[in-house]
Amino acid sequence: MIILDLVIRLVIGHVGLGNIMILKEFFSRPIDIDQHQKSKDSATATWMDDLFYFIIDHDKLHKDYFFPIAKKLGGLREAAESSVIELFMPMVIKGCKEFYHNKKMEGRMSKRFPLELREEICKRLYDHYYEDVKSSKYRLG
């Protein structure tokens, strides 16, 4: 305990008065065995978000795919999940191809972008655009 107290004083002296680090919390923290899996999941979530925003920011995808989808969705009160996936899937597939080539990814595209991931992106796109489509903010011409 005496050594730990001396180490705490030493760290406080080096860190400064504003940023006090307590070593008890640092050393008594339990070891996380699943840390590798969590970092892999967070990496997947990060590039999934990158793909989502890549599709949103891609002007040609919007012109070629989204505006026809918005026209179809504008007349519907509420779209079923299967119809959302059916409508957005061509846009997502094209976005995945563009993202794959833009990021110079390796491996098979079907392994990089499994069906579950593409369906999740379709649902996120629908949720993202729903209010704007209902208020008719998306129109050409």
N, C-alpha and C. Protein backbone atom coordinates (compact mmCIF):
# COMPACT_ATOMS: atom_id res chain seq x y z
N MET A 1 0.82 -1.18 0.00
CA MET A 1 0.00 0.00 0.00
C MET A 1 0.87 1.26 0.00
N ILE A 2 1.99 1.17 0.73
CA ILE A 2 2.88 2.33 0.79
C ILE A 2 3.49 2.59 -0.58
N ILE A 3 3.88 1.51 -1.28
CA ILE A 3 4.47 1.66 -2.61
C ILE A 3 3.45 2.25 -3.57
N LEU A 4 2.23 1.76 -3.50
CA LEU A 4 1.17 2.27 -4.36
C LEU A 4 0.93 3.75 -4.10
N ASP A 5 0.96 4.16 -2.83
CA ASP A 5 0.77 5.56 -2.49
C ASP A 5 1.90 6.42 -3.05
N LEU A 6 3.13 5.91 -2.99
CA LEU A 6 4.26 6.64 -3.55
C LEU A 6 4.16 6.75 -5.07
N VAL A 7 3.71 5.66 -5.70
CA VAL A 7 3.55 5.69 -7.16
C VAL A 7 2.47 6.68 -7.55
N ILE A 8 1.38 6.73 -6.79
CA ILE A 8 0.31 7.69 -7.08
C ILE A 8 0.83 9.12 -6.97
N ARG A 9 1.63 9.40 -5.93
CA ARG A 9 2.20 10.73 -5.78
C ARG A 9 3.13 11.07 -6.94
N LEU A 10 3.91 10.09 -7.37
CA LEU A 10 4.83 10.30 -8.48
C LEU A 10 4.07 10.61 -9.77
N VAL A 11 2.99 9.83 -10.03
CA VAL A 11 2.20 10.06 -11.24
C VAL A 11 1.50 11.42 -11.17
N ILE A 12 0.99 11.77 -10.02
CA ILE A 12 0.33 13.07 -9.88
C ILE A 12 1.33 14.19 -10.15
N GLY A 13 2.54 14.01 -9.68
CA GLY A 13 3.57 15.01 -9.93
C GLY A 13 3.89 15.15 -11.40
N HIS A 14 3.89 14.04 -12.15
CA HIS A 14 4.21 14.10 -13.57
C HIS A 14 3.02 14.52 -14.42
N VAL A 15 1.85 14.12 -14.01
CA VAL A 15 0.65 14.43 -14.80
C VAL A 15 0.23 15.87 -14.59
N GLY A 16 0.36 16.37 -13.43
CA GLY A 16 -0.06 17.74 -13.14
C GLY A 16 -1.28 17.73 -12.25
N LEU A 17 -1.66 18.88 -11.80
CA LEU A 17 -2.77 18.97 -10.87
C LEU A 17 -4.12 18.78 -11.53
N GLY A 18 -4.27 19.18 -12.78
CA GLY A 18 -5.56 19.11 -13.44
C GLY A 18 -5.94 17.72 -13.91
N ASN A 19 -4.98 16.89 -14.22
CA ASN A 19 -5.26 15.57 -14.80
C ASN A 19 -4.72 14.49 -13.88
N ILE A 20 -5.40 14.21 -12.80
CA ILE A 20 -4.96 13.23 -11.82
C ILE A 20 -5.39 11.84 -12.28
N MET A 21 -4.43 10.93 -12.33
CA MET A 21 -4.71 9.56 -12.74
C MET A 21 -4.58 8.66 -11.52
N ILE A 22 -5.59 7.90 -11.23
CA ILE A 22 -5.56 7.01 -10.08
C ILE A 22 -5.18 5.63 -10.58
N LEU A 23 -4.04 5.13 -10.10
CA LEU A 23 -3.53 3.85 -10.57
C LEU A 23 -4.32 2.68 -10.01
N LYS A 24 -5.03 2.89 -8.91
CA LYS A 24 -5.84 1.80 -8.37
C LYS A 24 -6.87 1.36 -9.41
N GLU A 25 -7.52 2.30 -10.06
CA GLU A 25 -8.51 1.99 -11.08
C GLU A 25 -7.85 1.34 -12.29
N PHE A 26 -6.65 1.79 -12.61
CA PHE A 26 -5.96 1.27 -13.79
C PHE A 26 -5.54 -0.18 -13.59
N PHE A 27 -4.98 -0.52 -12.42
CA PHE A 27 -4.49 -1.87 -12.19
C PHE A 27 -5.54 -2.83 -11.69
N SER A 28 -6.61 -2.36 -11.09
CA SER A 28 -7.63 -3.26 -10.56
C SER A 28 -8.71 -3.56 -11.59
N ARG A 29 -8.55 -3.04 -12.80
CA ARG A 29 -9.53 -3.28 -13.85
C ARG A 29 -9.45 -4.75 -14.30
N PRO A 30 -10.60 -5.45 -14.40
CA PRO A 30 -10.56 -6.85 -14.85
C PRO A 30 -10.15 -6.94 -16.32
N ILE A 31 -9.49 -8.02 -16.65
CA ILE A 31 -9.05 -8.24 -18.03
C ILE A 31 -10.24 -8.68 -18.86
N ASP A 32 -10.43 -8.05 -20.00
CA ASP A 32 -11.54 -8.36 -20.89
C ASP A 32 -11.08 -9.40 -21.91
N ILE A 33 -11.58 -10.61 -21.78
CA ILE A 33 -11.16 -11.70 -22.66
C ILE A 33 -11.71 -11.50 -24.07
N ASP A 34 -12.89 -10.95 -24.19
CA ASP A 34 -13.53 -10.77 -25.49
C ASP A 34 -13.15 -9.44 -26.15
N GLN A 35 -12.03 -8.86 -25.77
CA GLN A 35 -11.63 -7.56 -26.30
C GLN A 35 -11.41 -7.62 -27.81
N HIS A 36 -10.82 -8.70 -28.30
CA HIS A 36 -10.57 -8.82 -29.74
C HIS A 36 -11.88 -8.83 -30.51
N GLN A 37 -12.87 -9.57 -30.02
CA GLN A 37 -14.17 -9.63 -30.70
C GLN A 37 -14.85 -8.28 -30.68
N LYS A 38 -14.77 -7.55 -29.56
CA LYS A 38 -15.39 -6.23 -29.49
C LYS A 38 -14.74 -5.25 -30.44
N SER A 39 -13.40 -5.32 -30.56
CA SER A 39 -12.72 -4.41 -31.48
C SER A 39 -13.06 -4.77 -32.92
N LYS A 40 -13.24 -6.06 -33.20
CA LYS A 40 -13.64 -6.47 -34.55
C LYS A 40 -15.04 -5.98 -34.87
N ASP A 41 -15.97 -6.07 -33.89
CA ASP A 41 -17.34 -5.60 -34.09
C ASP A 41 -17.36 -4.08 -34.27
N SER A 42 -16.56 -3.37 -33.52
CA SER A 42 -16.54 -1.91 -33.66
C SER A 42 -15.92 -1.51 -34.99
N ALA A 43 -14.93 -2.28 -35.48
CA ALA A 43 -14.34 -1.99 -36.79
C ALA A 43 -15.37 -2.23 -37.89
N THR A 44 -16.14 -3.31 -37.76
CA THR A 44 -17.20 -3.58 -38.75
C THR A 44 -18.25 -2.48 -38.72
N ALA A 45 -18.63 -2.05 -37.52
CA ALA A 45 -19.62 -0.98 -37.40
C ALA A 45 -19.08 0.32 -37.99
N THR A 46 -17.79 0.56 -37.83
CA THR A 46 -17.19 1.79 -38.35
C THR A 46 -17.24 1.81 -39.87
N TRP A 47 -16.82 0.72 -40.52
CA TRP A 47 -16.84 0.77 -41.98
C TRP A 47 -18.26 0.60 -42.52
N MET A 48 -19.17 0.04 -41.72
CA MET A 48 -20.57 0.01 -42.14
C MET A 48 -21.14 1.43 -42.14
N ASP A 49 -20.77 2.22 -41.13
CA ASP A 49 -21.17 3.63 -41.11
C ASP A 49 -20.53 4.38 -42.28
N ASP A 50 -19.28 4.07 -42.58
CA ASP A 50 -18.61 4.70 -43.72
C ASP A 50 -19.35 4.39 -45.01
N LEU A 51 -19.78 3.15 -45.18
CA LEU A 51 -20.54 2.76 -46.37
C LEU A 51 -21.87 3.50 -46.42
N PHE A 52 -22.55 3.58 -45.30
CA PHE A 52 -23.84 4.28 -45.23
C PHE A 52 -23.68 5.74 -45.67
N TYR A 53 -22.70 6.43 -45.13
CA TYR A 53 -22.50 7.84 -45.48
C TYR A 53 -21.94 8.00 -46.90
N PHE A 54 -21.21 7.01 -47.37
CA PHE A 54 -20.74 7.03 -48.75
C PHE A 54 -21.93 7.01 -49.71
N ILE A 55 -22.90 6.16 -49.42
CA ILE A 55 -24.10 6.07 -50.26
C ILE A 55 -24.91 7.36 -50.17
N ILE A 56 -25.05 7.91 -48.99
CA ILE A 56 -25.82 9.15 -48.82
C ILE A 56 -25.17 10.30 -49.59
N ASP A 57 -23.84 10.36 -49.57
CA ASP A 57 -23.13 11.48 -50.19
C ASP A 57 -22.87 11.31 -51.68
N HIS A 58 -23.25 10.17 -52.26
CA HIS A 58 -22.96 9.89 -53.66
C HIS A 58 -24.06 10.48 -54.54
N ASP A 59 -23.75 11.53 -55.27
CA ASP A 59 -24.75 12.25 -56.08
C ASP A 59 -25.33 11.39 -57.20
N LYS A 60 -24.49 10.63 -57.87
CA LYS A 60 -24.96 9.82 -59.00
C LYS A 60 -25.92 8.73 -58.53
N LEU A 61 -25.65 8.14 -57.38
CA LEU A 61 -26.58 7.14 -56.84
C LEU A 61 -27.93 7.77 -56.55
N HIS A 62 -27.94 8.99 -56.05
CA HIS A 62 -29.20 9.66 -55.78
C HIS A 62 -29.96 9.95 -57.07
N LYS A 63 -29.24 10.42 -58.06
CA LYS A 63 -29.90 10.74 -59.33
C LYS A 63 -30.45 9.49 -60.00
N ASP A 64 -29.65 8.43 -60.03
CA ASP A 64 -30.05 7.22 -60.75
C ASP A 64 -31.01 6.33 -59.97
N TYR A 65 -30.87 6.29 -58.64
CA TYR A 65 -31.64 5.32 -57.86
C TYR A 65 -32.61 5.95 -56.87
N PHE A 66 -32.13 6.94 -56.11
CA PHE A 66 -32.96 7.40 -55.01
C PHE A 66 -34.19 8.19 -55.45
N PHE A 67 -34.08 9.05 -56.44
CA PHE A 67 -35.23 9.85 -56.83
C PHE A 67 -36.40 8.99 -57.33
N PRO A 68 -36.15 7.92 -58.11
CA PRO A 68 -37.29 7.04 -58.42
C PRO A 68 -37.87 6.35 -57.18
N ILE A 69 -37.00 6.00 -56.23
CA ILE A 69 -37.48 5.38 -55.00
C ILE A 69 -38.34 6.38 -54.21
N ALA A 70 -37.88 7.62 -54.14
CA ALA A 70 -38.63 8.65 -53.41
C ALA A 70 -40.00 8.87 -54.04
N LYS A 71 -40.06 8.81 -55.34
CA LYS A 71 -41.34 8.97 -56.04
C LYS A 71 -42.30 7.84 -55.67
N LYS A 72 -41.77 6.61 -55.62
CA LYS A 72 -42.61 5.46 -55.25
C LYS A 72 -43.02 5.52 -53.78
N LEU A 73 -42.09 5.91 -52.92
CA LEU A 73 -42.40 5.95 -51.49
C LEU A 73 -43.32 7.12 -51.13
N GLY A 74 -43.32 8.16 -51.92
CA GLY A 74 -44.14 9.33 -51.63
C GLY A 74 -45.62 9.02 -51.58
N GLY A 75 -46.07 8.07 -52.36
CA GLY A 75 -47.48 7.72 -52.40
C GLY A 75 -47.89 6.71 -51.35
N LEU A 76 -46.94 6.10 -50.66
CA LEU A 76 -47.26 5.09 -49.65
C LEU A 76 -47.36 5.72 -48.27
N ARG A 77 -48.29 5.21 -47.48
CA ARG A 77 -48.37 5.68 -46.09
C ARG A 77 -47.21 5.11 -45.28
N GLU A 78 -47.08 3.82 -45.30
CA GLU A 78 -46.02 3.13 -44.57
C GLU A 78 -45.59 1.95 -45.42
N ALA A 79 -44.30 1.81 -45.63
CA ALA A 79 -43.79 0.72 -46.45
C ALA A 79 -43.43 -0.47 -45.57
N ALA A 80 -43.74 -1.66 -46.06
CA ALA A 80 -43.36 -2.88 -45.34
C ALA A 80 -41.85 -3.08 -45.47
N GLU A 81 -41.30 -3.81 -44.53
CA GLU A 81 -39.85 -4.03 -44.52
C GLU A 81 -39.38 -4.71 -45.80
N SER A 82 -40.15 -5.66 -46.30
CA SER A 82 -39.75 -6.36 -47.53
C SER A 82 -39.76 -5.42 -48.73
N SER A 83 -40.71 -4.51 -48.79
CA SER A 83 -40.74 -3.58 -49.91
C SER A 83 -39.63 -2.53 -49.81
N VAL A 84 -39.27 -2.15 -48.58
CA VAL A 84 -38.16 -1.23 -48.38
C VAL A 84 -36.87 -1.85 -48.89
N ILE A 85 -36.66 -3.11 -48.51
CA ILE A 85 -35.45 -3.81 -48.95
C ILE A 85 -35.45 -3.97 -50.46
N GLU A 86 -36.59 -4.30 -51.02
CA GLU A 86 -36.70 -4.47 -52.47
C GLU A 86 -36.43 -3.16 -53.21
N LEU A 87 -36.92 -2.05 -52.69
CA LEU A 87 -36.71 -0.76 -53.34
C LEU A 87 -35.27 -0.25 -53.23
N PHE A 88 -34.69 -0.36 -52.05
CA PHE A 88 -33.37 0.20 -51.82
C PHE A 88 -32.21 -0.72 -52.21
N MET A 89 -32.46 -2.02 -52.39
CA MET A 89 -31.37 -2.96 -52.62
C MET A 89 -30.54 -2.65 -53.87
N PRO A 90 -31.12 -2.29 -55.03
CA PRO A 90 -30.26 -1.95 -56.17
C PRO A 90 -29.33 -0.77 -55.88
N MET A 91 -29.82 0.22 -55.16
CA MET A 91 -28.99 1.36 -54.79
C MET A 91 -27.87 0.94 -53.84
N VAL A 92 -28.18 0.08 -52.90
CA VAL A 92 -27.18 -0.38 -51.94
C VAL A 92 -26.14 -1.26 -52.63
N ILE A 93 -26.55 -2.12 -53.53
CA ILE A 93 -25.60 -2.97 -54.25
C ILE A 93 -24.64 -2.12 -55.07
N LYS A 94 -25.18 -1.14 -55.77
CA LYS A 94 -24.33 -0.24 -56.56
C LYS A 94 -23.40 0.55 -55.63
N GLY A 95 -23.91 1.00 -54.50
CA GLY A 95 -23.08 1.71 -53.53
C GLY A 95 -21.98 0.83 -52.96
N CYS A 96 -22.28 -0.44 -52.71
CA CYS A 96 -21.27 -1.38 -52.22
C CYS A 96 -20.16 -1.57 -53.26
N LYS A 97 -20.55 -1.69 -54.53
CA LYS A 97 -19.55 -1.85 -55.59
C LYS A 97 -18.66 -0.62 -55.69
N GLU A 98 -19.27 0.55 -55.65
CA GLU A 98 -18.50 1.80 -55.72
C GLU A 98 -17.57 1.93 -54.50
N PHE A 99 -18.09 1.62 -53.32
CA PHE A 99 -17.30 1.70 -52.10
C PHE A 99 -16.14 0.71 -52.14
N TYR A 100 -16.39 -0.49 -52.63
CA TYR A 100 -15.38 -1.54 -52.76
C TYR A 100 -14.22 -1.08 -53.65
N HIS A 101 -14.57 -0.49 -54.78
CA HIS A 101 -13.53 -0.03 -55.71
C HIS A 101 -12.86 1.25 -55.22
N ASN A 102 -13.62 2.13 -54.60
CA ASN A 102 -13.07 3.38 -54.09
C ASN A 102 -12.07 3.14 -52.97
N LYS A 103 -12.37 2.22 -52.06
CA LYS A 103 -11.50 1.90 -50.92
C LYS A 103 -10.43 0.86 -51.26
N LYS A 104 -10.45 0.36 -52.51
CA LYS A 104 -9.49 -0.65 -52.98
C LYS A 104 -9.46 -1.85 -52.04
N MET A 105 -10.63 -2.38 -51.76
CA MET A 105 -10.76 -3.53 -50.87
C MET A 105 -10.37 -4.79 -51.61
N GLU A 106 -10.00 -5.80 -50.86
CA GLU A 106 -9.64 -7.08 -51.45
C GLU A 106 -10.60 -8.13 -50.95
N GLY A 107 -10.64 -9.25 -51.63
CA GLY A 107 -11.55 -10.33 -51.26
C GLY A 107 -12.83 -10.25 -52.06
N ARG A 108 -13.66 -11.24 -51.86
CA ARG A 108 -14.92 -11.29 -52.59
C ARG A 108 -15.91 -10.29 -52.00
N MET A 109 -16.64 -9.67 -52.89
CA MET A 109 -17.62 -8.68 -52.44
C MET A 109 -18.73 -9.33 -51.61
N SER A 110 -19.09 -10.56 -51.95
CA SER A 110 -20.14 -11.24 -51.19
C SER A 110 -19.70 -11.52 -49.75
N LYS A 111 -18.40 -11.66 -49.53
CA LYS A 111 -17.89 -11.86 -48.17
C LYS A 111 -17.82 -10.52 -47.43
N ARG A 112 -17.44 -9.46 -48.15
CA ARG A 112 -17.34 -8.13 -47.55
C ARG A 112 -18.71 -7.54 -47.23
N PHE A 113 -19.66 -7.77 -48.11
CA PHE A 113 -21.00 -7.20 -47.98
C PHE A 113 -22.04 -8.31 -48.00
N PRO A 114 -22.19 -9.04 -46.89
CA PRO A 114 -23.20 -10.11 -46.87
C PRO A 114 -24.62 -9.54 -46.96
N LEU A 115 -25.55 -10.39 -47.25
CA LEU A 115 -26.94 -9.99 -47.44
C LEU A 115 -27.50 -9.28 -46.20
N GLU A 116 -27.15 -9.75 -45.01
CA GLU A 116 -27.67 -9.13 -43.78
C GLU A 116 -27.20 -7.68 -43.67
N LEU A 117 -25.96 -7.43 -44.02
CA LEU A 117 -25.42 -6.07 -43.96
C LEU A 117 -26.12 -5.17 -44.97
N ARG A 118 -26.31 -5.68 -46.19
CA ARG A 118 -26.99 -4.88 -47.21
C ARG A 118 -28.43 -4.58 -46.82
N GLU A 119 -29.11 -5.55 -46.22
CA GLU A 119 -30.49 -5.32 -45.77
C GLU A 119 -30.53 -4.28 -44.65
N GLU A 120 -29.54 -4.33 -43.76
CA GLU A 120 -29.47 -3.35 -42.67
C GLU A 120 -29.25 -1.94 -43.23
N ILE A 121 -28.41 -1.82 -44.25
CA ILE A 121 -28.18 -0.52 -44.88
C ILE A 121 -29.47 -0.02 -45.55
N CYS A 122 -30.21 -0.91 -46.18
CA CYS A 122 -31.49 -0.54 -46.79
C CYS A 122 -32.44 0.05 -45.75
N LYS A 123 -32.53 -0.61 -44.61
CA LYS A 123 -33.42 -0.14 -43.55
C LYS A 123 -32.96 1.21 -43.00
N ARG A 124 -31.64 1.36 -42.84
CA ARG A 124 -31.11 2.63 -42.34
C ARG A 124 -31.37 3.76 -43.32
N LEU A 125 -31.23 3.47 -44.61
CA LEU A 125 -31.51 4.50 -45.62
C LEU A 125 -32.97 4.92 -45.57
N TYR A 126 -33.86 3.95 -45.44
CA TYR A 126 -35.28 4.26 -45.36
C TYR A 126 -35.57 5.12 -44.13
N ASP A 127 -35.01 4.74 -42.99
CA ASP A 127 -35.22 5.52 -41.77
C ASP A 127 -34.64 6.93 -41.90
N HIS A 128 -33.52 7.03 -42.58
CA HIS A 128 -32.86 8.33 -42.76
C HIS A 128 -33.70 9.27 -43.63
N TYR A 129 -34.29 8.75 -44.68
CA TYR A 129 -35.00 9.58 -45.65
C TYR A 129 -36.51 9.66 -45.44
N TYR A 130 -37.06 8.91 -44.52
CA TYR A 130 -38.51 8.78 -44.41
C TYR A 130 -39.22 10.12 -44.27
N GLU A 131 -38.81 10.93 -43.32
CA GLU A 131 -39.50 12.21 -43.08
C GLU A 131 -39.39 13.15 -44.28
N ASP A 132 -38.23 13.19 -44.91
CA ASP A 132 -38.05 14.07 -46.07
C ASP A 132 -38.88 13.61 -47.27
N VAL A 133 -39.00 12.31 -47.44
CA VAL A 133 -39.82 11.80 -48.55
C VAL A 133 -41.29 12.11 -48.30
N LYS A 134 -41.74 11.93 -47.06
CA LYS A 134 -43.15 12.20 -46.74
C LYS A 134 -43.49 13.68 -46.90
N SER A 135 -42.54 14.56 -46.64
CA SER A 135 -42.81 15.99 -46.78
C SER A 135 -42.50 16.49 -48.20
N SER A 136 -42.21 15.57 -49.10
CA SER A 136 -41.96 15.86 -50.53
C SER A 136 -40.79 16.82 -50.74
N LYS A 137 -39.73 16.66 -49.99
CA LYS A 137 -38.55 17.49 -50.18
C LYS A 137 -37.70 17.02 -51.36
N TYR A 138 -37.89 15.78 -51.79
CA TYR A 138 -37.10 15.22 -52.88
C TYR A 138 -37.91 15.22 -54.16
N ARG A 139 -37.59 16.17 -55.04
CA ARG A 139 -38.24 16.26 -56.35
C ARG A 139 -37.21 16.66 -57.38
N LEU A 140 -37.34 16.14 -58.57
CA LEU A 140 -36.48 16.55 -59.68
C LEU A 140 -37.20 17.61 -60.49
N GLY A 141 -36.45 18.60 -60.94
CA GLY A 141 -37.00 19.59 -61.85
C GLY A 141 -37.62 20.74 -61.23
